[in-house]
Amino acid sequence: MNLYVNGCSHTHGTTISLNGNLNLAYPHILSDYYNIDLVNDSVCGASNDEILRTTIEAVLKSSTPFDKVVIQFTHLDRFETTSIHKHNPRSMYRKPSFWNIKDTDPILTFYKKFFDRTSEMDKLLSHKLLNQMYMLECLFTEHAITDYRFIVWHPIDTTYITYRHLNKSKIIFNADNLLNKEFKIHPEDQHFGPDAHQRIAEWIIEGHSSLNDINEYNPLEHVYT
């Protein structure tokens, strides 16, 4: 049996916040709990575009369906490009010292012009994420993957049409805010520590979702309606 996970650094883990031990990240906790093999495609700095693409590739390449799947969707304002570099517009606005990005950098100028940080932009980006989640639900159904969970890091627009067609019993919404109510992020790398990873693992094991009154839903029944 196997567990497939994908996400960004919050799933991959960082050595600073996890005291130098990436095995304290929640995918390893889940793998140990279920006593199954772990396939972890999460990458630090990944965007939802990359998470969607690599998850689709993994499912299509696998000779048998994954037994358990956990997908953690990351910050809405990250984009995958055809460049070998992964650009995060919001990080570029903040320009952390280790990026060594100048104000005149053409990529930074492009993002500032076309991806202004507004509530309307966040709403539109959340629509994109909801559609990406719907695509994966259809993929999982087609490939007989029934034991899956989505972790959504930030708030999304619940008035958008795709939200109605998601199996919300499979989704943990607004995970960052939920964790912030209990745990503090590490000041140096801005990530949660082992205690928060233990909580995420408990969410998965206990079947936690943000909504508890949603009926089971088959996305393929609604593809053309």
C-alpha atoms as a PDB file:
ATOM      1  CA  MET A   1       0.000   0.000   0.000  1.00  0.00           C
ATOM      2  CA  ASN A   2       1.122   3.566  -0.557  1.00  0.00           C
ATOM      3  CA  LEU A   3       0.414   7.153   0.446  1.00  0.00           C
ATOM      4  CA  TYR A   4       0.844   9.890  -2.176  1.00  0.00           C
ATOM      5  CA  VAL A   5       1.298  13.485  -0.997  1.00  0.00           C
ATOM      6  CA  ASN A   6       1.987  16.733  -2.803  1.00  0.00           C
ATOM      7  CA  GLY A   7       2.299  20.349  -1.734  1.00  0.00           C
ATOM      8  CA  CYS A   8       4.822  23.070  -0.997  1.00  0.00           C
ATOM      9  CA  SER A   9       7.311  23.499   1.869  1.00  0.00           C
ATOM     10  CA  HIS A  10       4.502  23.169   4.431  1.00  0.00           C
ATOM     11  CA  THR A  11       4.246  19.538   3.304  1.00  0.00           C
ATOM     12  CA  HIS A  12       7.877  18.916   2.380  1.00  0.00           C
ATOM     13  CA  GLY A  13       9.044  20.534   5.620  1.00  0.00           C
ATOM     14  CA  THR A  14      11.964  22.817   6.427  1.00  0.00           C
ATOM     15  CA  THR A  15      14.920  21.792   8.540  1.00  0.00           C
ATOM     16  CA  ILE A  16      14.790  24.908  10.734  1.00  0.00           C
ATOM     17  CA  SER A  17      11.156  24.678  11.858  1.00  0.00           C
ATOM     18  CA  LEU A  18      11.358  20.876  12.182  1.00  0.00           C
ATOM     19  CA  ASN A  19      14.526  20.948  14.262  1.00  0.00           C
ATOM     20  CA  GLY A  20      16.624  19.530  11.446  1.00  0.00           C
ATOM     21  CA  ASN A  21      14.446  16.427  11.036  1.00  0.00           C
ATOM     22  CA  LEU A  22      12.172  16.336   7.974  1.00  0.00           C
ATOM     23  CA  ASN A  23      10.741  13.033   9.222  1.00  0.00           C
ATOM     24  CA  LEU A  24       8.711  15.157  11.656  1.00  0.00           C
ATOM     25  CA  ALA A  25       6.653  16.508   8.733  1.00  0.00           C
ATOM     26  CA  TYR A  26       3.083  15.235   8.638  1.00  0.00           C
ATOM     27  CA  PRO A  27       3.507  12.970   5.532  1.00  0.00           C
ATOM     28  CA  HIS A  28       6.009  10.847   7.457  1.00  0.00           C
ATOM     29  CA  ILE A  29       3.734  10.799  10.519  1.00  0.00           C
ATOM     30  CA  LEU A  30       0.896   9.504   8.338  1.00  0.00           C
ATOM     31  CA  SER A  31       3.113   6.962   6.608  1.00  0.00           C
ATOM     32  CA  ASP A  32       4.237   5.592   9.972  1.00  0.00           C
ATOM     33  CA  TYR A  33       0.712   5.587  11.368  1.00  0.00           C
ATOM     34  CA  TYR A  34      -0.760   3.655   8.440  1.00  0.00           C
ATOM     35  CA  ASN A  35       2.426   1.591   7.982  1.00  0.00           C
ATOM     36  CA  ILE A  36       2.474   2.210   4.234  1.00  0.00           C
ATOM     37  CA  ASP A  37       5.058   3.484   1.751  1.00  0.00           C
ATOM     38  CA  LEU A  38       5.304   7.223   1.200  1.00  0.00           C
ATOM     39  CA  VAL A  39       5.500   8.896  -2.212  1.00  0.00           C
ATOM     40  CA  ASN A  40       6.147  12.592  -1.543  1.00  0.00           C
ATOM     41  CA  ASP A  41       6.203  14.936  -4.549  1.00  0.00           C
ATOM     42  CA  SER A  42       6.040  18.151  -2.491  1.00  0.00           C
ATOM     43  CA  VAL A  43       8.645  20.809  -3.269  1.00  0.00           C
ATOM     44  CA  CYS A  44       9.604  23.926  -1.343  1.00  0.00           C
ATOM     45  CA  GLY A  45       8.310  26.967  -3.216  1.00  0.00           C
ATOM     46  CA  ALA A  46       5.897  24.963  -5.374  1.00  0.00           C
ATOM     47  CA  SER A  47       2.850  26.674  -6.842  1.00  0.00           C
ATOM     48  CA  ASN A  48      -0.626  25.220  -7.206  1.00  0.00           C
ATOM     49  CA  ASP A  49       0.099  24.973 -10.927  1.00  0.00           C
ATOM     50  CA  GLU A  50       3.046  22.701 -10.216  1.00  0.00           C
ATOM     51  CA  ILE A  51       1.159  20.712  -7.582  1.00  0.00           C
ATOM     52  CA  LEU A  52      -1.670  20.054 -10.047  1.00  0.00           C
ATOM     53  CA  ARG A  53       0.678  19.121 -12.898  1.00  0.00           C
ATOM     54  CA  THR A  54       2.881  16.752 -10.917  1.00  0.00           C
ATOM     55  CA  THR A  55      -0.113  15.099  -9.241  1.00  0.00           C
ATOM     56  CA  ILE A  56      -1.727  14.391 -12.611  1.00  0.00           C
ATOM     57  CA  GLU A  57       1.571  12.986 -13.901  1.00  0.00           C
ATOM     58  CA  ALA A  58       1.983  10.774 -10.833  1.00  0.00           C
ATOM     59  CA  VAL A  59      -1.531   9.333 -11.090  1.00  0.00           C
ATOM     60  CA  LEU A  60      -1.195   8.643 -14.811  1.00  0.00           C
ATOM     61  CA  LYS A  61       2.238   7.041 -14.415  1.00  0.00           C
ATOM     62  CA  SER A  62       1.253   4.788 -11.513  1.00  0.00           C
ATOM     63  CA  SER A  63       0.515   1.197 -12.512  1.00  0.00           C
ATOM     64  CA  THR A  64      -2.053   0.896  -9.684  1.00  0.00           C
ATOM     65  CA  PRO A  65      -4.224   3.512  -7.913  1.00  0.00           C
ATOM     66  CA  PHE A  66      -2.702   5.195  -4.875  1.00  0.00           C
ATOM     67  CA  ASP A  67      -4.284   3.864  -1.686  1.00  0.00           C
ATOM     68  CA  LYS A  68      -4.284   7.235   0.087  1.00  0.00           C
ATOM     69  CA  VAL A  69      -3.738  10.740  -1.299  1.00  0.00           C
ATOM     70  CA  VAL A  70      -3.203  14.060   0.504  1.00  0.00           C
ATOM     71  CA  ILE A  71      -2.805  17.241  -1.563  1.00  0.00           C
ATOM     72  CA  GLN A  72      -1.870  20.492   0.186  1.00  0.00           C
ATOM     73  CA  PHE A  73      -2.615  23.528  -1.969  1.00  0.00           C
ATOM     74  CA  THR A  74      -0.338  26.479  -1.343  1.00  0.00           C
ATOM     75  CA  HIS A  75      -0.401  30.278  -1.582  1.00  0.00           C
ATOM     76  CA  LEU A  76      -2.702  31.532  -4.323  1.00  0.00           C
ATOM     77  CA  ASP A  77      -0.222  34.001  -5.796  1.00  0.00           C
ATOM     78  CA  ARG A  78       2.408  31.496  -6.872  1.00  0.00           C
ATOM     79  CA  PHE A  79       2.773  30.644 -10.557  1.00  0.00           C
ATOM     80  CA  GLU A  80       4.624  27.997 -12.469  1.00  0.00           C
ATOM     81  CA  THR A  81       6.427  29.288 -15.541  1.00  0.00           C
ATOM     82  CA  THR A  82       8.298  27.621 -18.373  1.00  0.00           C
ATOM     83  CA  SER A  83      11.484  28.931 -16.812  1.00  0.00           C
ATOM     84  CA  ILE A  84      13.573  26.661 -14.608  1.00  0.00           C
ATOM     85  CA  HIS A  85      12.891  29.193 -11.849  1.00  0.00           C
ATOM     86  CA  LYS A  86       9.730  29.178  -9.731  1.00  0.00           C
ATOM     87  CA  HIS A  87       8.520  32.724  -9.232  1.00  0.00           C
ATOM     88  CA  ASN A  88       6.429  33.781  -6.261  1.00  0.00           C
ATOM     89  CA  PRO A  89       5.026  37.282  -6.861  1.00  0.00           C
ATOM     90  CA  ARG A  90       4.330  38.049  -3.210  1.00  0.00           C
ATOM     91  CA  SER A  91       7.822  36.994  -2.176  1.00  0.00           C
ATOM     92  CA  MET A  92       9.144  39.232  -4.895  1.00  0.00           C
ATOM     93  CA  TYR A  93       7.212  42.164  -3.444  1.00  0.00           C
ATOM     94  CA  ARG A  94       8.831  41.523  -0.079  1.00  0.00           C
ATOM     95  CA  LYS A  95      12.170  40.766  -1.733  1.00  0.00           C
ATOM     96  CA  PRO A  96      13.766  38.661   1.029  1.00  0.00           C
ATOM     97  CA  SER A  97      17.520  39.133   1.153  1.00  0.00           C
ATOM     98  CA  PHE A  98      18.366  35.618  -0.007  1.00  0.00           C
ATOM     99  CA  TRP A  99      16.593  36.194  -3.348  1.00  0.00           C
ATOM    100  CA  ASN A 100      19.043  38.983  -4.321  1.00  0.00           C
ATOM    101  CA  ILE A 101      16.395  40.578  -6.548  1.00  0.00           C
ATOM    102  CA  LYS A 102      16.838  44.191  -7.623  1.00  0.00           C
ATOM    103  CA  ASP A 103      13.917  46.622  -7.944  1.00  0.00           C
ATOM    104  CA  THR A 104      14.687  46.879 -11.658  1.00  0.00           C
ATOM    105  CA  ASP A 105      14.465  43.128 -12.228  1.00  0.00           C
ATOM    106  CA  PRO A 106      12.162  42.601 -15.278  1.00  0.00           C
ATOM    107  CA  ILE A 107      10.316  39.679 -13.658  1.00  0.00           C
ATOM    108  CA  LEU A 108       9.567  41.775 -10.572  1.00  0.00           C
ATOM    109  CA  THR A 109       8.413  44.676 -12.754  1.00  0.00           C
ATOM    110  CA  PHE A 110       6.117  42.330 -14.686  1.00  0.00           C
ATOM    111  CA  TYR A 111       4.463  40.970 -11.553  1.00  0.00           C
ATOM    112  CA  LYS A 112       4.014  44.404 -10.041  1.00  0.00           C
ATOM    113  CA  LYS A 113       2.245  45.575 -13.190  1.00  0.00           C
ATOM    114  CA  PHE A 114       0.003  42.591 -13.930  1.00  0.00           C
ATOM    115  CA  PHE A 115      -0.542  40.920 -10.550  1.00  0.00           C
ATOM    116  CA  ASP A 116      -1.343  43.747  -8.193  1.00  0.00           C
ATOM    117  CA  ARG A 117      -2.193  42.477  -4.702  1.00  0.00           C
ATOM    118  CA  THR A 118      -5.909  43.217  -4.286  1.00  0.00           C
ATOM    119  CA  SER A 119      -8.852  41.369  -2.769  1.00  0.00           C
ATOM    120  CA  GLU A 120     -10.335  41.040  -6.262  1.00  0.00           C
ATOM    121  CA  MET A 121      -7.145  39.399  -7.512  1.00  0.00           C
ATOM    122  CA  ASP A 122      -7.192  36.961  -4.589  1.00  0.00           C
ATOM    123  CA  LYS A 123     -10.803  36.095  -5.391  1.00  0.00           C
ATOM    124  CA  LEU A 124      -9.962  35.384  -9.027  1.00  0.00           C
ATOM    125  CA  LEU A 125      -6.975  33.274  -8.023  1.00  0.00           C
ATOM    126  CA  SER A 126      -9.183  31.302  -5.640  1.00  0.00           C
ATOM    127  CA  HIS A 127     -11.498  30.539  -8.588  1.00  0.00           C
ATOM    128  CA  LYS A 128      -8.493  29.058 -10.374  1.00  0.00           C
ATOM    129  CA  LEU A 129      -7.685  26.921  -7.342  1.00  0.00           C
ATOM    130  CA  LEU A 130     -11.255  25.644  -7.018  1.00  0.00           C
ATOM    131  CA  ASN A 131     -11.170  24.578 -10.664  1.00  0.00           C
ATOM    132  CA  GLN A 132      -7.845  22.818 -10.108  1.00  0.00           C
ATOM    133  CA  MET A 133      -9.354  20.916  -7.182  1.00  0.00           C
ATOM    134  CA  TYR A 134     -12.339  19.925  -9.311  1.00  0.00           C
ATOM    135  CA  MET A 135     -10.016  18.618 -12.029  1.00  0.00           C
ATOM    136  CA  LEU A 136      -8.238  16.416  -9.493  1.00  0.00           C
ATOM    137  CA  GLU A 137     -11.511  15.091  -8.094  1.00  0.00           C
ATOM    138  CA  CYS A 138     -12.516  14.027 -11.596  1.00  0.00           C
ATOM    139  CA  LEU A 139      -9.102  12.447 -12.136  1.00  0.00           C
ATOM    140  CA  PHE A 140      -9.250  10.559  -8.843  1.00  0.00           C
ATOM    141  CA  THR A 141     -12.734   9.253  -9.590  1.00  0.00           C
ATOM    142  CA  GLU A 142     -11.661   8.077 -13.047  1.00  0.00           C
ATOM    143  CA  HIS A 143      -8.672   6.243 -11.552  1.00  0.00           C
ATOM    144  CA  ALA A 144     -10.526   4.655  -8.619  1.00  0.00           C
ATOM    145  CA  ILE A 145      -8.850   6.806  -5.950  1.00  0.00           C
ATOM    146  CA  THR A 146     -11.444   7.252  -3.207  1.00  0.00           C
ATOM    147  CA  ASP A 147      -9.329   7.900  -0.100  1.00  0.00           C
ATOM    148  CA  TYR A 148      -8.060  11.426  -0.705  1.00  0.00           C
ATOM    149  CA  ARG A 149      -7.961  14.716   1.193  1.00  0.00           C
ATOM    150  CA  PHE A 150      -7.288  18.291   0.113  1.00  0.00           C
ATOM    151  CA  ILE A 151      -5.703  20.854   2.445  1.00  0.00           C
ATOM    152  CA  VAL A 152      -6.387  24.424   1.314  1.00  0.00           C
ATOM    153  CA  TRP A 153      -3.994  26.886   2.903  1.00  0.00           C
ATOM    154  CA  HIS A 154      -5.962  30.128   2.518  1.00  0.00           C
ATOM    155  CA  PRO A 155      -9.581  31.387   2.269  1.00  0.00           C
ATOM    156  CA  ILE A 156     -11.399  30.960  -1.032  1.00  0.00           C
ATOM    157  CA  ASP A 157     -14.504  32.436  -2.664  1.00  0.00           C
ATOM    158  CA  THR A 158     -17.387  30.195  -1.565  1.00  0.00           C
ATOM    159  CA  THR A 159     -19.807  31.960  -3.935  1.00  0.00           C
ATOM    160  CA  TYR A 160     -17.960  30.687  -7.019  1.00  0.00           C
ATOM    161  CA  ILE A 161     -19.871  28.009  -8.952  1.00  0.00           C
ATOM    162  CA  THR A 162     -17.175  25.321  -8.732  1.00  0.00           C
ATOM    163  CA  TYR A 163     -17.295  25.445  -4.937  1.00  0.00           C
ATOM    164  CA  ARG A 164     -20.810  23.962  -5.070  1.00  0.00           C
ATOM    165  CA  HIS A 165     -19.566  20.971  -7.053  1.00  0.00           C
ATOM    166  CA  LEU A 166     -16.686  19.942  -4.799  1.00  0.00           C
ATOM    167  CA  ASN A 167     -16.905  17.139  -2.253  1.00  0.00           C
ATOM    168  CA  LYS A 168     -16.338  19.418   0.706  1.00  0.00           C
ATOM    169  CA  SER A 169     -16.210  16.525   3.163  1.00  0.00           C
ATOM    170  CA  LYS A 170     -12.806  15.771   1.610  1.00  0.00           C
ATOM    171  CA  ILE A 171     -11.425  19.281   2.124  1.00  0.00           C
ATOM    172  CA  ILE A 172      -9.803  21.139   5.012  1.00  0.00           C
ATOM    173  CA  PHE A 173     -10.285  24.806   4.195  1.00  0.00           C
ATOM    174  CA  ASN A 174      -8.234  27.750   5.500  1.00  0.00           C
ATOM    175  CA  ALA A 175      -5.635  25.512   7.158  1.00  0.00           C
ATOM    176  CA  ASP A 176      -3.135  28.316   7.792  1.00  0.00           C
ATOM    177  CA  ASN A 177      -5.603  30.257   9.951  1.00  0.00           C
ATOM    178  CA  LEU A 178      -6.705  27.096  11.768  1.00  0.00           C
ATOM    179  CA  LEU A 179      -3.105  26.296  12.664  1.00  0.00           C
ATOM    180  CA  ASN A 180      -2.344  29.880  13.655  1.00  0.00           C
ATOM    181  CA  LYS A 181      -5.014  29.645  16.349  1.00  0.00           C
ATOM    182  CA  GLU A 182      -2.989  26.947  18.111  1.00  0.00           C
ATOM    183  CA  PHE A 183       0.624  27.221  17.025  1.00  0.00           C
ATOM    184  CA  LYS A 184       3.281  29.820  16.314  1.00  0.00           C
ATOM    185  CA  ILE A 185       5.368  29.859  13.166  1.00  0.00           C
ATOM    186  CA  HIS A 186       9.146  29.790  13.383  1.00  0.00           C
ATOM    187  CA  PRO A 187      10.356  33.421  13.120  1.00  0.00           C
ATOM    188  CA  GLU A 188      13.364  32.544  10.975  1.00  0.00           C
ATOM    189  CA  ASP A 189      11.752  30.480   8.212  1.00  0.00           C
ATOM    190  CA  GLN A 190       8.041  31.357   8.673  1.00  0.00           C
ATOM    191  CA  HIS A 191       6.891  27.725   8.907  1.00  0.00           C
ATOM    192  CA  PHE A 192       5.103  25.677  11.531  1.00  0.00           C
ATOM    193  CA  GLY A 193       6.948  23.265  13.795  1.00  0.00           C
ATOM    194  CA  PRO A 194       6.435  19.595  14.694  1.00  0.00           C
ATOM    195  CA  ASP A 195       3.382  20.241  16.878  1.00  0.00           C
ATOM    196  CA  ALA A 196       1.468  21.744  13.952  1.00  0.00           C
ATOM    197  CA  HIS A 197       2.494  18.878  11.673  1.00  0.00           C
ATOM    198  CA  GLN A 198       1.147  16.478  14.285  1.00  0.00           C
ATOM    199  CA  ARG A 199      -2.156  18.372  14.209  1.00  0.00           C
ATOM    200  CA  ILE A 200      -2.382  18.117  10.407  1.00  0.00           C
ATOM    201  CA  ALA A 201      -1.783  14.366  10.650  1.00  0.00           C
ATOM    202  CA  GLU A 202      -4.576  14.149  13.231  1.00  0.00           C
ATOM    203  CA  TRP A 203      -6.920  15.996  10.866  1.00  0.00           C
ATOM    204  CA  ILE A 204      -6.279  13.385   8.181  1.00  0.00           C
ATOM    205  CA  ILE A 205      -6.508  10.389  10.511  1.00  0.00           C
ATOM    206  CA  GLU A 206      -9.689  11.624  12.199  1.00  0.00           C
ATOM    207  CA  GLY A 207     -11.363  12.607   8.924  1.00  0.00           C
ATOM    208  CA  HIS A 208     -11.632  16.278   9.860  1.00  0.00           C
ATOM    209  CA  SER A 209     -13.155  18.681   7.356  1.00  0.00           C
ATOM    210  CA  SER A 210     -14.245  22.288   7.601  1.00  0.00           C
ATOM    211  CA  LEU A 211     -17.828  21.283   6.837  1.00  0.00           C
ATOM    212  CA  ASN A 212     -19.516  18.255   8.334  1.00  0.00           C
ATOM    213  CA  ASP A 213     -22.945  18.246   6.707  1.00  0.00           C
ATOM    214  CA  ILE A 214     -22.005  17.721   3.054  1.00  0.00           C
ATOM    215  CA  ASN A 215     -23.318  14.599   1.329  1.00  0.00           C
ATOM    216  CA  GLU A 216     -21.014  12.363  -0.662  1.00  0.00           C
ATOM    217  CA  TYR A 217     -20.574  13.708  -4.167  1.00  0.00           C
ATOM    218  CA  ASN A 218     -19.357  12.187  -7.430  1.00  0.00           C
ATOM    219  CA  PRO A 219     -17.826  14.973  -9.571  1.00  0.00           C
ATOM    220  CA  LEU A 220     -18.079  12.990 -12.823  1.00  0.00           C
ATOM    221  CA  GLU A 221     -21.854  13.069 -12.559  1.00  0.00           C
ATOM    222  CA  HIS A 222     -21.750  16.838 -13.010  1.00  0.00           C
ATOM    223  CA  VAL A 223     -19.057  17.370 -15.597  1.00  0.00           C
ATOM    224  CA  TYR A 224     -21.527  18.325 -18.336  1.00  0.00           C
ATOM    225  CA  THR A 225     -24.293  19.938 -16.273  1.00  0.00           C
END
